[in-house]
Amino acid sequence: MSSLQLFVPRQSQIISMTMKGARMATISPERAQSGYVLDGNEGEAFWLLGMLETVKISGEDTGGQYGLLEVVAPEGVGSPWHVHSEEDEWFYVLEGEMSVWVADTRHTLTAGSFAFGPKGVPHTFYAEAGGVRALIGFAPMQFEGFLREVGEPATERVVPPPLEVHPDMARLGPIAQRNGMEILGPPGPPPGC
């Protein structure tokens, strides 16, 4: 049994969601061909750059055409400033608030809001006050390779402890390149903004 802390801005309090019997969903040819259902506490989960990221639709499920992650990020945590050469990315906020930068424009997303980061256009996101829970999609699904190579399998369905040091961008750069992405700067707002 594990707990996941989520911020619900309208209630201005932290809610603890207990996840009983959390299971990892396995990918198989049968699953991909016949469809599947995942409960809220299912999917392969990783800790990546201070976030909990759960694979809901794997690239293996779709022949690499697209994929979907559920991401839980605490306040101030997000992705490095980056660009995908062949992959579109989109964001849908379930709870909380996040900032999404697409090129030099900042968008504030709250529950129910959507943003699109097209391939070839630099973008980033980070959680605002209280954190965020969002769905992040990719087409085609190349990001999953980065997630699996850099992320750590989550032993519990909780946000990992805060990072003690900033991510090593020099180490992440070649991994990102192998997975169709170029890191342009550290997490947070784009340089110069």
Protein backbone atom coordinates (compact mmCIF):
# COMPACT_ATOMS: atom_id res chain seq x y z
CA MET A 1 0.00 0.00 0.00
CA SER A 2 1.36 3.42 -0.87
CA SER A 3 0.18 7.01 -0.80
CA LEU A 4 0.34 9.67 -3.46
CA GLN A 5 0.13 13.31 -2.39
CA LEU A 6 -1.91 15.44 -4.79
CA PHE A 7 -2.84 19.10 -4.55
CA VAL A 8 -6.44 20.05 -5.19
CA PRO A 9 -6.33 23.84 -5.61
CA ARG A 10 -10.02 24.49 -5.03
CA GLN A 11 -9.82 22.89 -1.59
CA SER A 12 -6.35 24.32 -0.82
CA GLN A 13 -5.28 21.14 0.91
CA ILE A 14 -3.23 18.07 0.28
CA ILE A 15 -5.24 14.91 -0.29
CA SER A 16 -3.69 11.52 0.29
CA MET A 17 -4.87 8.87 -2.14
CA THR A 18 -4.25 5.32 -0.96
CA MET A 19 -3.47 2.92 -3.74
CA LYS A 20 -4.29 -0.60 -2.63
CA GLY A 21 -2.93 -3.47 -4.62
CA ALA A 22 -1.06 -1.32 -7.14
CA ARG A 23 -0.08 -3.56 -10.05
CA MET A 24 2.25 -3.11 -12.94
CA ALA A 25 0.58 -3.75 -16.28
CA THR A 26 2.54 -6.01 -18.57
CA ILE A 27 2.81 -5.38 -22.28
CA SER A 28 2.07 -8.32 -24.53
CA PRO A 29 1.09 -8.75 -28.18
CA GLU A 30 -2.36 -9.84 -27.02
CA ARG A 31 -2.80 -6.70 -24.91
CA ALA A 32 -1.81 -4.43 -27.78
CA GLN A 33 -4.08 -6.16 -30.31
CA SER A 34 -7.19 -6.65 -28.22
CA GLY A 35 -7.14 -3.48 -26.11
CA TYR A 36 -6.86 -3.15 -22.35
CA VAL A 37 -8.03 -1.24 -19.30
CA LEU A 38 -5.79 0.18 -16.58
CA ASP A 39 -7.03 1.24 -13.18
CA GLY A 40 -5.81 4.55 -11.78
CA ASN A 41 -3.03 2.78 -9.91
CA GLU A 42 -1.83 0.67 -12.85
CA GLY A 43 0.82 1.15 -15.47
CA GLU A 44 4.59 0.93 -15.39
CA ALA A 45 5.81 3.72 -13.09
CA PHE A 46 9.16 5.55 -13.08
CA TRP A 47 10.82 8.30 -11.08
CA LEU A 48 12.29 10.81 -13.51
CA LEU A 49 13.89 14.16 -12.65
CA GLY A 50 11.84 14.51 -9.45
CA MET A 51 8.52 13.38 -10.98
CA LEU A 52 6.41 10.21 -10.88
CA GLU A 53 5.68 9.17 -14.49
CA THR A 54 3.36 6.25 -15.25
CA VAL A 55 3.09 4.73 -18.72
CA LYS A 56 -0.60 4.42 -19.65
CA ILE A 57 -0.12 3.76 -23.38
CA SER A 58 3.27 2.38 -24.33
CA GLY A 59 4.91 2.75 -27.72
CA GLU A 60 4.89 -1.05 -27.82
CA ASP A 61 1.08 -0.93 -27.62
CA THR A 62 0.83 1.25 -30.73
CA GLY A 63 3.77 0.22 -32.87
CA GLY A 64 5.49 3.42 -31.74
CA GLN A 65 2.80 5.67 -33.27
CA TYR A 66 1.85 7.37 -29.99
CA GLY A 67 1.98 7.01 -26.22
CA LEU A 68 0.53 8.51 -23.05
CA LEU A 69 2.00 9.15 -19.59
CA GLU A 70 0.41 10.25 -16.34
CA VAL A 71 2.84 12.66 -14.67
CA VAL A 72 2.76 13.84 -11.05
CA ALA A 73 5.18 16.69 -10.30
CA PRO A 74 5.69 18.71 -7.13
CA GLU A 75 5.85 22.50 -7.22
CA GLY A 76 8.74 23.87 -9.28
CA VAL A 77 9.62 20.53 -10.91
CA GLY A 78 9.38 19.84 -14.63
CA SER A 79 11.21 18.96 -17.80
CA PRO A 80 14.38 20.48 -19.22
CA TRP A 81 13.95 23.04 -22.04
CA HIS A 82 13.98 20.75 -25.08
CA VAL A 83 12.87 20.12 -28.65
CA HIS A 84 11.74 16.94 -30.41
CA SER A 85 12.76 16.58 -34.06
CA GLU A 86 9.99 14.13 -35.00
CA GLU A 87 7.66 13.96 -32.00
CA ASP A 88 4.65 16.11 -31.07
CA GLU A 89 3.91 16.48 -27.34
CA TRP A 90 0.68 17.51 -25.66
CA PHE A 91 -0.38 18.26 -22.09
CA TYR A 92 -3.75 17.88 -20.32
CA VAL A 93 -4.00 18.90 -16.66
CA LEU A 94 -6.06 16.67 -14.37
CA GLU A 95 -5.32 18.42 -11.05
CA GLY A 96 -3.27 21.41 -9.97
CA GLU A 97 -1.53 23.89 -12.22
CA MET A 98 1.43 23.89 -14.58
CA SER A 99 3.24 26.32 -16.82
CA VAL A 100 3.95 25.15 -20.36
CA TRP A 101 6.34 27.18 -22.50
CA VAL A 102 5.99 26.69 -26.25
CA ALA A 103 8.72 28.68 -28.01
CA ASP A 104 8.83 31.98 -26.10
CA THR A 105 5.19 31.93 -24.96
CA ARG A 106 4.17 30.88 -21.46
CA HIS A 107 0.79 29.19 -20.99
CA THR A 108 -0.71 28.58 -17.54
CA LEU A 109 -2.76 25.39 -17.46
CA THR A 110 -5.26 24.45 -14.75
CA ALA A 111 -7.50 21.39 -14.44
CA GLY A 112 -9.14 20.72 -17.80
CA SER A 113 -6.64 22.84 -19.78
CA PHE A 114 -4.73 21.53 -22.80
CA ALA A 115 -1.54 22.64 -24.57
CA PHE A 116 0.25 21.35 -27.67
CA GLY A 117 4.02 21.41 -28.28
CA PRO A 118 4.63 20.59 -31.96
CA LYS A 119 7.75 18.84 -33.17
CA GLY A 120 10.55 21.22 -34.06
CA VAL A 121 9.39 23.87 -31.55
CA PRO A 122 11.27 24.15 -28.22
CA HIS A 123 9.12 23.68 -25.13
CA THR A 124 9.15 22.82 -21.44
CA PHE A 125 6.76 22.46 -18.51
CA TYR A 126 6.92 22.74 -14.75
CA ALA A 127 4.47 22.42 -11.87
CA GLU A 128 3.17 25.55 -10.20
CA ALA A 129 2.14 26.07 -6.55
CA GLY A 130 0.98 22.83 -4.97
CA GLY A 131 2.06 20.57 -7.83
CA VAL A 132 0.29 19.03 -10.79
CA ARG A 133 -1.10 15.75 -12.09
CA ALA A 134 -1.36 15.69 -15.88
CA LEU A 135 -1.56 13.46 -18.91
CA ILE A 136 1.28 13.98 -21.39
CA GLY A 137 1.05 12.42 -24.83
CA PHE A 138 3.58 11.88 -27.60
CA ALA A 139 3.27 11.05 -31.32
CA PRO A 140 5.24 9.11 -32.34
CA MET A 141 6.30 7.69 -28.95
CA GLN A 142 10.06 8.26 -28.81
CA PHE A 143 10.22 9.81 -25.33
CA GLU A 144 9.61 6.42 -23.72
CA GLY A 145 13.18 5.38 -24.56
CA PHE A 146 14.49 8.39 -22.61
CA LEU A 147 12.15 7.61 -19.71
CA ARG A 148 13.33 4.01 -19.52
CA GLU A 149 17.02 4.91 -19.84
CA VAL A 150 17.12 7.83 -17.39
CA GLY A 151 14.18 7.05 -15.10
CA GLU A 152 14.30 4.68 -12.17
CA PRO A 153 11.51 2.10 -11.74
CA ALA A 154 9.29 3.49 -8.97
CA THR A 155 9.22 1.16 -5.99
CA GLU A 156 6.18 3.04 -4.66
CA ARG A 157 3.48 5.16 -6.30
CA VAL A 158 4.76 8.36 -4.72
CA VAL A 159 6.62 11.40 -5.97
CA PRO A 160 10.32 10.76 -5.36
CA PRO A 161 12.28 12.78 -2.82
CA PRO A 162 13.46 16.19 -4.09
CA LEU A 163 16.59 16.12 -6.22
CA GLU A 164 19.67 17.00 -4.19
CA VAL A 165 21.51 18.39 -7.22
CA HIS A 166 20.42 19.72 -10.60
CA PRO A 167 20.22 17.06 -13.34
CA ASP A 168 23.50 16.50 -15.20
CA MET A 169 22.60 17.98 -18.59
CA ALA A 170 25.90 16.76 -20.11
CA ARG A 171 24.91 13.17 -19.26
CA LEU A 172 21.28 13.58 -20.35
CA GLY A 173 22.13 15.18 -23.72
CA PRO A 174 23.39 12.04 -25.51
CA ILE A 175 20.53 9.95 -24.08
CA ALA A 176 18.03 12.52 -25.33
CA GLN A 177 19.67 12.52 -28.79
CA ARG A 178 19.29 8.73 -29.01
CA ASN A 179 15.58 9.19 -28.36
CA GLY A 180 14.81 11.97 -30.86
CA MET A 181 15.14 14.91 -28.47
CA GLU A 182 17.63 17.73 -27.93
CA ILE A 183 18.02 19.27 -24.48
CA LEU A 184 18.44 23.04 -24.81
CA GLY A 185 18.59 24.04 -21.14
CA PRO A 186 17.86 23.01 -17.55
CA PRO A 187 14.38 22.52 -16.07
CA GLY A 188 12.40 25.70 -15.53
CA PRO A 189 11.60 28.65 -17.78
CA PRO A 190 13.52 28.87 -21.06
CA PRO A 191 16.83 30.74 -20.93
CA GLY A 192 16.28 34.48 -21.17
CA CYS A 193 12.61 34.37 -20.13
